[in-house]
Amino acid sequence: MAGHNESSASGKNLGEASNDVPTRNAESLQSNMKIVYYSRTFMSIISGVIAGILGFTGLSGFILYFLIMAITSVGLIAKAGFQVHSYFDSWNQIILDGFLGGLLSFVLFWTFSYDIVHIF
């Protein structure tokens, strides 16, 4: 084992280097990403149902989706205490991850709820 027989100067350098490198638990990062993915999917479904019930068509429905996803991103960042790098690798993971998968869920529930309320 290294470190027991080294001089204090080299031990000090090793200590400083270990303080500069942040440590992250891979399981915690995966769990946090699952939470982001599930939150986006859930909000996509809810916003799709809302857009369908309110009768949004065309561009107005997609604007609602982008607005809801922006609010969801801000909410997740606030839940993390505005310290994103403590819980995620980068800002992109919390802002953009699950965006396209959520869009498909949004369109599915948007058309489904629109058809049920306004066509049938």
C-alpha atoms as a PDB file:
ATOM      1  CA  MET A   1       0.000   0.000   0.000  1.00  0.00           C
ATOM      2  CA  ALA A   2       1.328   3.352  -0.994  1.00  0.00           C
ATOM      3  CA  GLY A   3       1.124   6.414   1.162  1.00  0.00           C
ATOM      4  CA  HIS A   4       2.397   5.067   4.494  1.00  0.00           C
ATOM      5  CA  ASN A   5       6.132   5.454   3.837  1.00  0.00           C
ATOM      6  CA  GLU A   6       6.059   8.627   1.755  1.00  0.00           C
ATOM      7  CA  SER A   7       7.332  11.972   2.976  1.00  0.00           C
ATOM      8  CA  SER A   8       4.919  14.633   4.178  1.00  0.00           C
ATOM      9  CA  ALA A   9       5.517  16.819   1.098  1.00  0.00           C
ATOM     10  CA  SER A  10       4.428  14.135  -1.352  1.00  0.00           C
ATOM     11  CA  GLY A  11       1.540  13.185   0.947  1.00  0.00           C
ATOM     12  CA  LYS A  12       0.429  16.807   0.943  1.00  0.00           C
ATOM     13  CA  ASN A  13       0.441  16.883  -2.868  1.00  0.00           C
ATOM     14  CA  LEU A  14      -1.616  13.703  -3.005  1.00  0.00           C
ATOM     15  CA  GLY A  15      -4.121  15.170  -0.544  1.00  0.00           C
ATOM     16  CA  GLU A  16      -4.502  18.348  -2.563  1.00  0.00           C
ATOM     17  CA  ALA A  17      -5.002  16.398  -5.770  1.00  0.00           C
ATOM     18  CA  SER A  18      -7.681  14.204  -4.198  1.00  0.00           C
ATOM     19  CA  ASN A  19      -9.592  17.295  -3.012  1.00  0.00           C
ATOM     20  CA  ASP A  20      -9.697  18.721  -6.553  1.00  0.00           C
ATOM     21  CA  VAL A  21     -11.350  15.636  -8.074  1.00  0.00           C
ATOM     22  CA  PRO A  22     -15.069  15.391  -7.307  1.00  0.00           C
ATOM     23  CA  THR A  23     -16.315  11.912  -6.559  1.00  0.00           C
ATOM     24  CA  ARG A  24     -19.700  10.721  -7.753  1.00  0.00           C
ATOM     25  CA  ASN A  25     -21.596   7.538  -7.163  1.00  0.00           C
ATOM     26  CA  ALA A  26     -22.609   5.946 -10.481  1.00  0.00           C
ATOM     27  CA  GLU A  27     -25.748   4.396  -8.987  1.00  0.00           C
ATOM     28  CA  SER A  28     -26.892   7.777  -7.688  1.00  0.00           C
ATOM     29  CA  LEU A  29     -26.312   9.392 -11.074  1.00  0.00           C
ATOM     30  CA  GLN A  30     -28.363   6.661 -12.767  1.00  0.00           C
ATOM     31  CA  SER A  31     -31.125   7.046 -10.216  1.00  0.00           C
ATOM     32  CA  ASN A  32     -31.197  10.810 -10.755  1.00  0.00           C
ATOM     33  CA  MET A  33     -31.407  10.336 -14.519  1.00  0.00           C
ATOM     34  CA  LYS A  34     -34.303   7.893 -14.091  1.00  0.00           C
ATOM     35  CA  ILE A  35     -36.128  10.490 -12.033  1.00  0.00           C
ATOM     36  CA  VAL A  36     -35.585  13.110 -14.766  1.00  0.00           C
ATOM     37  CA  TYR A  37     -36.798  10.690 -17.441  1.00  0.00           C
ATOM     38  CA  TYR A  38     -39.913   9.665 -15.480  1.00  0.00           C
ATOM     39  CA  SER A  39     -40.707  13.282 -14.605  1.00  0.00           C
ATOM     40  CA  ARG A  40     -40.501  14.346 -18.234  1.00  0.00           C
ATOM     41  CA  THR A  41     -42.611  11.402 -19.390  1.00  0.00           C
ATOM     42  CA  PHE A  42     -45.263  12.091 -16.766  1.00  0.00           C
ATOM     43  CA  MET A  43     -45.379  15.809 -17.551  1.00  0.00           C
ATOM     44  CA  SER A  44     -45.551  15.021 -21.275  1.00  0.00           C
ATOM     45  CA  ILE A  45     -48.589  12.806 -20.727  1.00  0.00           C
ATOM     46  CA  ILE A  46     -50.311  15.381 -18.519  1.00  0.00           C
ATOM     47  CA  SER A  47     -49.594  18.244 -20.924  1.00  0.00           C
ATOM     48  CA  GLY A  48     -50.812  16.138 -23.869  1.00  0.00           C
ATOM     49  CA  VAL A  49     -54.095  15.470 -22.098  1.00  0.00           C
ATOM     50  CA  ILE A  50     -54.452  19.160 -21.216  1.00  0.00           C
ATOM     51  CA  ALA A  51     -53.709  20.233 -24.808  1.00  0.00           C
ATOM     52  CA  GLY A  52     -56.255  17.745 -26.140  1.00  0.00           C
ATOM     53  CA  ILE A  53     -58.997  18.712 -23.695  1.00  0.00           C
ATOM     54  CA  LEU A  54     -58.472  22.426 -24.331  1.00  0.00           C
ATOM     55  CA  GLY A  55     -58.630  21.777 -28.076  1.00  0.00           C
ATOM     56  CA  PHE A  56     -55.196  23.047 -29.049  1.00  0.00           C
ATOM     57  CA  THR A  57     -54.275  22.283 -32.631  1.00  0.00           C
ATOM     58  CA  GLY A  58     -51.142  22.835 -34.657  1.00  0.00           C
ATOM     59  CA  LEU A  59     -48.381  25.037 -33.384  1.00  0.00           C
ATOM     60  CA  SER A  60     -50.182  26.076 -30.193  1.00  0.00           C
ATOM     61  CA  GLY A  61     -50.017  22.508 -28.883  1.00  0.00           C
ATOM     62  CA  PHE A  62     -46.290  22.279 -29.465  1.00  0.00           C
ATOM     63  CA  ILE A  63     -45.774  25.656 -27.812  1.00  0.00           C
ATOM     64  CA  LEU A  64     -47.593  24.263 -24.760  1.00  0.00           C
ATOM     65  CA  TYR A  65     -45.254  21.260 -24.782  1.00  0.00           C
ATOM     66  CA  PHE A  66     -42.122  23.424 -24.915  1.00  0.00           C
ATOM     67  CA  LEU A  67     -43.496  25.636 -22.147  1.00  0.00           C
ATOM     68  CA  ILE A  68     -44.284  22.663 -19.905  1.00  0.00           C
ATOM     69  CA  MET A  69     -40.832  21.147 -20.541  1.00  0.00           C
ATOM     70  CA  ALA A  70     -39.165  24.469 -19.673  1.00  0.00           C
ATOM     71  CA  ILE A  71     -41.160  24.631 -16.429  1.00  0.00           C
ATOM     72  CA  THR A  72     -40.246  21.005 -15.705  1.00  0.00           C
ATOM     73  CA  SER A  73     -36.545  21.740 -16.250  1.00  0.00           C
ATOM     74  CA  VAL A  74     -36.672  24.741 -13.921  1.00  0.00           C
ATOM     75  CA  GLY A  75     -38.524  22.661 -11.338  1.00  0.00           C
ATOM     76  CA  LEU A  76     -35.934  19.882 -11.492  1.00  0.00           C
ATOM     77  CA  ILE A  77     -33.104  22.396 -11.179  1.00  0.00           C
ATOM     78  CA  ALA A  78     -34.845  23.986  -8.191  1.00  0.00           C
ATOM     79  CA  LYS A  79     -35.338  20.535  -6.648  1.00  0.00           C
ATOM     80  CA  ALA A  80     -31.570  20.013  -6.993  1.00  0.00           C
ATOM     81  CA  GLY A  81     -31.033  23.253  -5.071  1.00  0.00           C
ATOM     82  CA  PHE A  82     -29.583  24.967  -8.166  1.00  0.00           C
ATOM     83  CA  GLN A  83     -26.447  22.822  -7.700  1.00  0.00           C
ATOM     84  CA  VAL A  84     -26.804  20.659 -10.795  1.00  0.00           C
ATOM     85  CA  HIS A  85     -23.213  19.412 -10.772  1.00  0.00           C
ATOM     86  CA  SER A  86     -23.766  17.828  -7.355  1.00  0.00           C
ATOM     87  CA  TYR A  87     -26.413  15.491  -8.787  1.00  0.00           C
ATOM     88  CA  PHE A  88     -25.696  15.297 -12.542  1.00  0.00           C
ATOM     89  CA  ASP A  89     -22.688  15.304 -14.847  1.00  0.00           C
ATOM     90  CA  SER A  90     -23.778  18.354 -16.845  1.00  0.00           C
ATOM     91  CA  TRP A  91     -26.554  20.870 -17.378  1.00  0.00           C
ATOM     92  CA  ASN A  92     -27.548  19.183 -20.629  1.00  0.00           C
ATOM     93  CA  GLN A  93     -28.677  16.056 -18.798  1.00  0.00           C
ATOM     94  CA  ILE A  94     -31.257  17.865 -16.713  1.00  0.00           C
ATOM     95  CA  ILE A  95     -32.385  20.256 -19.460  1.00  0.00           C
ATOM     96  CA  LEU A  96     -32.494  18.074 -22.588  1.00  0.00           C
ATOM     97  CA  ASP A  97     -32.566  14.415 -21.535  1.00  0.00           C
ATOM     98  CA  GLY A  98     -35.858  12.703 -22.375  1.00  0.00           C
ATOM     99  CA  PHE A  99     -37.038  15.614 -24.487  1.00  0.00           C
ATOM    100  CA  LEU A 100     -37.766  13.691 -27.704  1.00  0.00           C
ATOM    101  CA  GLY A 101     -39.221  10.650 -25.929  1.00  0.00           C
ATOM    102  CA  GLY A 102     -41.506  12.989 -24.059  1.00  0.00           C
ATOM    103  CA  LEU A 103     -42.522  14.635 -27.326  1.00  0.00           C
ATOM    104  CA  LEU A 104     -43.779  11.324 -28.690  1.00  0.00           C
ATOM    105  CA  SER A 105     -45.787  10.664 -25.519  1.00  0.00           C
ATOM    106  CA  PHE A 106     -47.164  14.192 -25.695  1.00  0.00           C
ATOM    107  CA  VAL A 107     -48.388  13.783 -29.281  1.00  0.00           C
ATOM    108  CA  LEU A 108     -49.930  10.388 -28.495  1.00  0.00           C
ATOM    109  CA  PHE A 109     -51.962  11.646 -25.538  1.00  0.00           C
ATOM    110  CA  TRP A 110     -52.702  14.973 -27.220  1.00  0.00           C
ATOM    111  CA  THR A 111     -54.356  13.299 -30.208  1.00  0.00           C
ATOM    112  CA  PHE A 112     -56.053  10.671 -28.053  1.00  0.00           C
ATOM    113  CA  SER A 113     -57.650  13.166 -25.666  1.00  0.00           C
ATOM    114  CA  TYR A 114     -58.532  15.562 -28.511  1.00  0.00           C
ATOM    115  CA  ASP A 115     -60.330  12.743 -30.347  1.00  0.00           C
ATOM    116  CA  ILE A 116     -62.239  11.654 -27.259  1.00  0.00           C
ATOM    117  CA  VAL A 117     -63.376  15.150 -26.244  1.00  0.00           C
ATOM    118  CA  HIS A 118     -63.895  16.954 -29.553  1.00  0.00           C
ATOM    119  CA  ILE A 119     -64.650  14.250 -32.125  1.00  0.00           C
ATOM    120  CA  PHE A 120     -66.614  11.615 -30.248  1.00  0.00           C
END
